[in-house]
Amino acid sequence: IAISIEKKQPNKKLPNRRHKNFSLKEDVTLFKGVRRFGNDFKKVYDHFKDSFHPGRNHNSLRDRWRRDFNKTQNASLETAFKRHRLPSEAVVTSIASELYSTNK
């Protein structure tokens, strides 16, 4: 009787998967979704699916939130704006008004 012992491989990223940075629109949408659905990233993703890069899923949204915005209790859009080095205050105002609109 032959016994095969397989070593478990640690979870690794797929080699063909390319990393794409989150855009400012995605960050704003993520803030909007967390404001609406809390930490239910599956609901955030399902509701705003068309606003995210095709390679994203609810886990990537959760990872982005936990890694970059939820380090302190008061995650702010200012952090997102600084990351993207916005060119003008008008752009910030436009995006902030989109975030706080109730259309979506």
N, C-alpha and C. Protein backbone atom coordinates (compact mmCIF):
# COMPACT_ATOMS: atom_id res chain seq x y z
N ILE A 1 0.86 -1.17 0.00
CA ILE A 1 0.00 0.00 0.00
C ILE A 1 0.90 1.23 0.00
N ALA A 2 0.69 2.07 -0.99
CA ALA A 2 1.46 3.30 -1.10
C ALA A 2 0.68 4.45 -0.48
N ILE A 3 1.37 5.22 0.33
CA ILE A 3 0.73 6.37 0.97
C ILE A 3 1.37 7.62 0.40
N SER A 4 0.52 8.48 -0.08
CA SER A 4 1.00 9.73 -0.65
C SER A 4 0.77 10.86 0.35
N ILE A 5 1.82 11.54 0.67
CA ILE A 5 1.71 12.68 1.58
C ILE A 5 1.99 13.93 0.76
N GLU A 6 0.98 14.76 0.64
CA GLU A 6 1.15 16.00 -0.11
C GLU A 6 1.35 17.15 0.86
N LYS A 7 2.31 17.98 0.53
CA LYS A 7 2.52 19.17 1.34
C LYS A 7 1.51 20.21 0.92
N LYS A 8 0.93 20.85 1.91
CA LYS A 8 0.00 21.93 1.59
C LYS A 8 0.81 23.14 1.14
N GLN A 9 0.39 23.69 0.04
CA GLN A 9 1.03 24.90 -0.45
C GLN A 9 0.34 26.11 0.18
N PRO A 10 1.12 27.08 0.62
CA PRO A 10 0.49 28.29 1.16
C PRO A 10 -0.26 29.02 0.05
N ASN A 11 -1.28 29.78 0.44
CA ASN A 11 -2.02 30.54 -0.56
C ASN A 11 -1.09 31.53 -1.22
N LYS A 12 -1.03 31.46 -2.52
CA LYS A 12 -0.18 32.37 -3.28
C LYS A 12 -1.03 33.07 -4.32
N LYS A 13 -0.62 34.27 -4.67
CA LYS A 13 -1.32 34.97 -5.73
C LYS A 13 -1.08 34.23 -7.03
N LEU A 14 -2.06 34.26 -7.88
CA LEU A 14 -1.90 33.62 -9.17
C LEU A 14 -0.83 34.36 -9.96
N PRO A 15 0.06 33.65 -10.63
CA PRO A 15 1.17 34.30 -11.32
C PRO A 15 0.74 35.23 -12.45
N ASN A 16 -0.39 34.95 -13.08
CA ASN A 16 -0.84 35.77 -14.20
C ASN A 16 -1.65 36.99 -13.77
N ARG A 17 -1.93 37.06 -12.49
CA ARG A 17 -2.74 38.17 -11.99
C ARG A 17 -1.86 39.41 -11.82
N ARG A 18 -2.24 40.48 -12.47
CA ARG A 18 -1.47 41.71 -12.38
C ARG A 18 -2.11 42.65 -11.37
N HIS A 19 -1.26 43.31 -10.61
CA HIS A 19 -1.74 44.25 -9.60
C HIS A 19 -2.09 45.57 -10.28
N LYS A 20 -3.25 46.10 -9.99
CA LYS A 20 -3.65 47.40 -10.50
C LYS A 20 -4.01 48.26 -9.30
N ASN A 21 -3.38 49.42 -9.22
CA ASN A 21 -3.67 50.33 -8.11
C ASN A 21 -5.12 50.80 -8.16
N PHE A 22 -5.67 51.07 -7.00
CA PHE A 22 -7.03 51.60 -6.94
C PHE A 22 -7.03 53.03 -7.46
N SER A 23 -8.02 53.36 -8.25
CA SER A 23 -8.17 54.72 -8.74
C SER A 23 -8.89 55.55 -7.67
N LEU A 24 -8.87 56.85 -7.85
CA LEU A 24 -9.57 57.71 -6.90
C LEU A 24 -11.06 57.43 -6.94
N LYS A 25 -11.60 57.18 -8.12
CA LYS A 25 -13.03 56.86 -8.24
C LYS A 25 -13.36 55.60 -7.44
N GLU A 26 -12.49 54.60 -7.50
CA GLU A 26 -12.71 53.37 -6.74
C GLU A 26 -12.66 53.64 -5.24
N ASP A 27 -11.70 54.46 -4.81
CA ASP A 27 -11.60 54.79 -3.39
C ASP A 27 -12.85 55.51 -2.90
N VAL A 28 -13.33 56.47 -3.68
CA VAL A 28 -14.53 57.21 -3.30
C VAL A 28 -15.73 56.27 -3.25
N THR A 29 -15.82 55.37 -4.23
CA THR A 29 -16.91 54.40 -4.25
C THR A 29 -16.83 53.48 -3.04
N LEU A 30 -15.62 53.09 -2.67
CA LEU A 30 -15.43 52.23 -1.50
C LEU A 30 -15.91 52.95 -0.24
N PHE A 31 -15.54 54.23 -0.08
CA PHE A 31 -16.01 55.01 1.07
C PHE A 31 -17.53 55.08 1.07
N LYS A 32 -18.10 55.34 -0.10
CA LYS A 32 -19.55 55.44 -0.22
C LYS A 32 -20.22 54.12 0.18
N GLY A 33 -19.65 53.02 -0.28
CA GLY A 33 -20.20 51.71 0.04
C GLY A 33 -20.10 51.36 1.51
N VAL A 34 -18.97 51.67 2.13
CA VAL A 34 -18.80 51.38 3.55
C VAL A 34 -19.74 52.26 4.37
N ARG A 35 -19.95 53.48 3.92
CA ARG A 35 -20.89 54.36 4.62
C ARG A 35 -22.31 53.79 4.55
N ARG A 36 -22.63 53.18 3.43
CA ARG A 36 -23.99 52.66 3.24
C ARG A 36 -24.20 51.26 3.83
N PHE A 37 -23.20 50.36 3.64
CA PHE A 37 -23.38 48.97 4.02
C PHE A 37 -22.50 48.52 5.19
N GLY A 38 -21.72 49.44 5.75
CA GLY A 38 -20.81 49.05 6.84
C GLY A 38 -19.70 48.17 6.30
N ASN A 39 -19.27 47.21 7.09
CA ASN A 39 -18.15 46.35 6.68
C ASN A 39 -18.60 45.11 5.91
N ASP A 40 -19.76 45.15 5.31
CA ASP A 40 -20.22 44.04 4.47
C ASP A 40 -19.73 44.29 3.05
N PHE A 41 -18.48 43.91 2.79
CA PHE A 41 -17.83 44.22 1.52
C PHE A 41 -18.44 43.46 0.35
N LYS A 42 -19.09 42.36 0.62
CA LYS A 42 -19.80 41.64 -0.45
C LYS A 42 -20.95 42.50 -0.97
N LYS A 43 -21.70 43.13 -0.06
CA LYS A 43 -22.79 44.01 -0.48
C LYS A 43 -22.24 45.25 -1.19
N VAL A 44 -21.14 45.79 -0.67
CA VAL A 44 -20.52 46.96 -1.31
C VAL A 44 -20.15 46.60 -2.75
N TYR A 45 -19.48 45.47 -2.91
CA TYR A 45 -19.05 45.05 -4.25
C TYR A 45 -20.25 44.79 -5.16
N ASP A 46 -21.24 44.06 -4.66
CA ASP A 46 -22.41 43.73 -5.49
C ASP A 46 -23.17 44.98 -5.93
N HIS A 47 -23.28 45.96 -5.05
CA HIS A 47 -24.04 47.17 -5.37
C HIS A 47 -23.29 48.09 -6.34
N PHE A 48 -21.97 48.19 -6.17
CA PHE A 48 -21.18 49.13 -6.97
C PHE A 48 -20.24 48.42 -7.95
N LYS A 49 -20.56 47.20 -8.31
CA LYS A 49 -19.68 46.35 -9.13
C LYS A 49 -19.14 47.07 -10.38
N ASP A 50 -19.98 47.83 -11.05
CA ASP A 50 -19.57 48.49 -12.30
C ASP A 50 -18.57 49.62 -12.07
N SER A 51 -18.42 50.07 -10.84
CA SER A 51 -17.50 51.17 -10.54
C SER A 51 -16.07 50.70 -10.27
N PHE A 52 -15.88 49.39 -10.14
CA PHE A 52 -14.57 48.85 -9.81
C PHE A 52 -13.91 48.20 -11.01
N HIS A 53 -12.60 48.17 -10.99
CA HIS A 53 -11.81 47.50 -12.03
C HIS A 53 -12.27 46.05 -12.16
N PRO A 54 -12.31 45.49 -13.38
CA PRO A 54 -12.82 44.12 -13.57
C PRO A 54 -12.10 43.05 -12.75
N GLY A 55 -10.87 43.26 -12.35
CA GLY A 55 -10.15 42.26 -11.58
C GLY A 55 -10.43 42.29 -10.09
N ARG A 56 -11.26 43.21 -9.65
CA ARG A 56 -11.54 43.35 -8.21
C ARG A 56 -12.65 42.39 -7.77
N ASN A 57 -12.63 42.06 -6.49
CA ASN A 57 -13.73 41.31 -5.88
C ASN A 57 -13.93 41.86 -4.47
N HIS A 58 -14.87 41.28 -3.74
CA HIS A 58 -15.15 41.82 -2.40
C HIS A 58 -13.95 41.68 -1.47
N ASN A 59 -13.13 40.67 -1.69
CA ASN A 59 -11.93 40.52 -0.84
C ASN A 59 -10.92 41.63 -1.10
N SER A 60 -10.77 42.05 -2.35
CA SER A 60 -9.82 43.12 -2.63
C SER A 60 -10.31 44.44 -2.04
N LEU A 61 -11.63 44.63 -2.01
CA LEU A 61 -12.17 45.84 -1.37
C LEU A 61 -11.91 45.81 0.13
N ARG A 62 -12.15 44.67 0.75
CA ARG A 62 -11.90 44.52 2.19
C ARG A 62 -10.43 44.76 2.50
N ASP A 63 -9.55 44.17 1.70
CA ASP A 63 -8.11 44.33 1.94
C ASP A 63 -7.69 45.79 1.80
N ARG A 64 -8.22 46.47 0.78
CA ARG A 64 -7.90 47.88 0.57
C ARG A 64 -8.37 48.70 1.78
N TRP A 65 -9.58 48.45 2.23
CA TRP A 65 -10.13 49.21 3.36
C TRP A 65 -9.30 48.98 4.62
N ARG A 66 -9.04 47.73 4.92
CA ARG A 66 -8.31 47.42 6.16
C ARG A 66 -6.86 47.87 6.10
N ARG A 67 -6.24 47.72 4.95
CA ARG A 67 -4.83 48.06 4.83
C ARG A 67 -4.59 49.56 4.81
N ASP A 68 -5.41 50.29 4.07
CA ASP A 68 -5.08 51.69 3.81
C ASP A 68 -5.95 52.73 4.50
N PHE A 69 -7.15 52.37 4.89
CA PHE A 69 -8.03 53.40 5.42
C PHE A 69 -8.52 53.15 6.83
N ASN A 70 -8.52 51.95 7.30
CA ASN A 70 -9.13 51.67 8.59
C ASN A 70 -8.09 51.51 9.70
N LYS A 71 -6.90 52.07 9.51
CA LYS A 71 -5.86 51.95 10.54
C LYS A 71 -6.22 52.76 11.78
N THR A 72 -6.96 53.83 11.57
CA THR A 72 -7.45 54.61 12.70
C THR A 72 -8.96 54.52 12.69
N GLN A 73 -9.57 54.88 13.76
CA GLN A 73 -11.03 54.80 13.83
C GLN A 73 -11.71 55.74 12.85
N ASN A 74 -11.07 56.86 12.56
CA ASN A 74 -11.71 57.83 11.67
C ASN A 74 -11.00 57.89 10.33
N ALA A 75 -11.31 56.93 9.48
CA ALA A 75 -10.79 56.94 8.12
C ALA A 75 -11.39 58.13 7.40
N SER A 76 -10.57 58.86 6.69
CA SER A 76 -11.10 60.05 6.05
C SER A 76 -10.80 60.06 4.57
N LEU A 77 -11.60 60.80 3.85
CA LEU A 77 -11.36 60.96 2.42
C LEU A 77 -10.08 61.74 2.17
N GLU A 78 -9.69 62.54 3.14
CA GLU A 78 -8.45 63.30 2.99
C GLU A 78 -7.29 62.35 2.70
N THR A 79 -7.28 61.20 3.35
CA THR A 79 -6.24 60.19 3.10
C THR A 79 -6.28 59.74 1.65
N ALA A 80 -7.46 59.47 1.14
CA ALA A 80 -7.60 59.03 -0.25
C ALA A 80 -7.15 60.13 -1.19
N PHE A 81 -7.54 61.38 -0.91
CA PHE A 81 -7.16 62.48 -1.78
C PHE A 81 -5.64 62.66 -1.81
N LYS A 82 -5.01 62.55 -0.66
CA LYS A 82 -3.55 62.71 -0.60
C LYS A 82 -2.85 61.63 -1.40
N ARG A 83 -3.37 60.41 -1.33
CA ARG A 83 -2.76 59.30 -2.06
C ARG A 83 -2.76 59.53 -3.56
N HIS A 84 -3.78 60.20 -4.06
CA HIS A 84 -3.92 60.37 -5.50
C HIS A 84 -3.39 61.72 -5.98
N ARG A 85 -2.91 62.54 -5.08
CA ARG A 85 -2.31 63.84 -5.42
C ARG A 85 -3.18 64.62 -6.40
N LEU A 86 -4.34 64.98 -5.95
CA LEU A 86 -5.29 65.67 -6.82
C LEU A 86 -4.76 67.02 -7.27
N PRO A 87 -5.06 67.40 -8.52
CA PRO A 87 -4.51 68.62 -9.08
C PRO A 87 -5.15 69.90 -8.58
N SER A 88 -6.41 69.86 -8.17
CA SER A 88 -7.03 71.12 -7.76
C SER A 88 -8.13 70.88 -6.73
N GLU A 89 -8.45 71.94 -6.04
CA GLU A 89 -9.50 71.86 -5.03
C GLU A 89 -10.86 71.59 -5.68
N ALA A 90 -11.04 72.04 -6.92
CA ALA A 90 -12.30 71.81 -7.63
C ALA A 90 -12.58 70.32 -7.81
N VAL A 91 -11.52 69.56 -8.09
CA VAL A 91 -11.68 68.12 -8.26
C VAL A 91 -12.10 67.50 -6.93
N VAL A 92 -11.47 67.92 -5.85
CA VAL A 92 -11.81 67.41 -4.52
C VAL A 92 -13.27 67.71 -4.20
N THR A 93 -13.69 68.93 -4.47
CA THR A 93 -15.07 69.33 -4.20
C THR A 93 -16.04 68.48 -5.01
N SER A 94 -15.71 68.26 -6.27
CA SER A 94 -16.57 67.46 -7.14
C SER A 94 -16.71 66.03 -6.63
N ILE A 95 -15.60 65.43 -6.26
CA ILE A 95 -15.62 64.05 -5.79
C ILE A 95 -16.33 63.95 -4.44
N ALA A 96 -16.08 64.91 -3.57
CA ALA A 96 -16.73 64.90 -2.26
C ALA A 96 -18.24 65.03 -2.41
N SER A 97 -18.68 65.87 -3.33
CA SER A 97 -20.13 66.02 -3.52
C SER A 97 -20.73 64.73 -4.09
N GLU A 98 -19.97 64.03 -4.94
CA GLU A 98 -20.44 62.74 -5.46
C GLU A 98 -20.56 61.73 -4.32
N LEU A 99 -19.59 61.73 -3.43
CA LEU A 99 -19.60 60.78 -2.32
C LEU A 99 -20.82 60.98 -1.43
N TYR A 100 -21.14 62.21 -1.15
CA TYR A 100 -22.21 62.48 -0.21
C TYR A 100 -23.58 62.63 -0.87
N SER A 101 -23.63 62.41 -2.18
CA SER A 101 -24.94 62.42 -2.85
C SER A 101 -25.68 61.14 -2.48
N THR A 102 -26.96 61.16 -2.61
CA THR A 102 -27.75 59.98 -2.23
C THR A 102 -28.32 59.26 -3.44
N ASN A 103 -27.78 59.53 -4.62
CA ASN A 103 -28.32 58.92 -5.84
C ASN A 103 -28.07 57.43 -5.92
N LYS A 104 -26.94 56.95 -5.43
CA LYS A 104 -26.62 55.52 -5.56
C LYS A 104 -26.73 54.82 -4.25
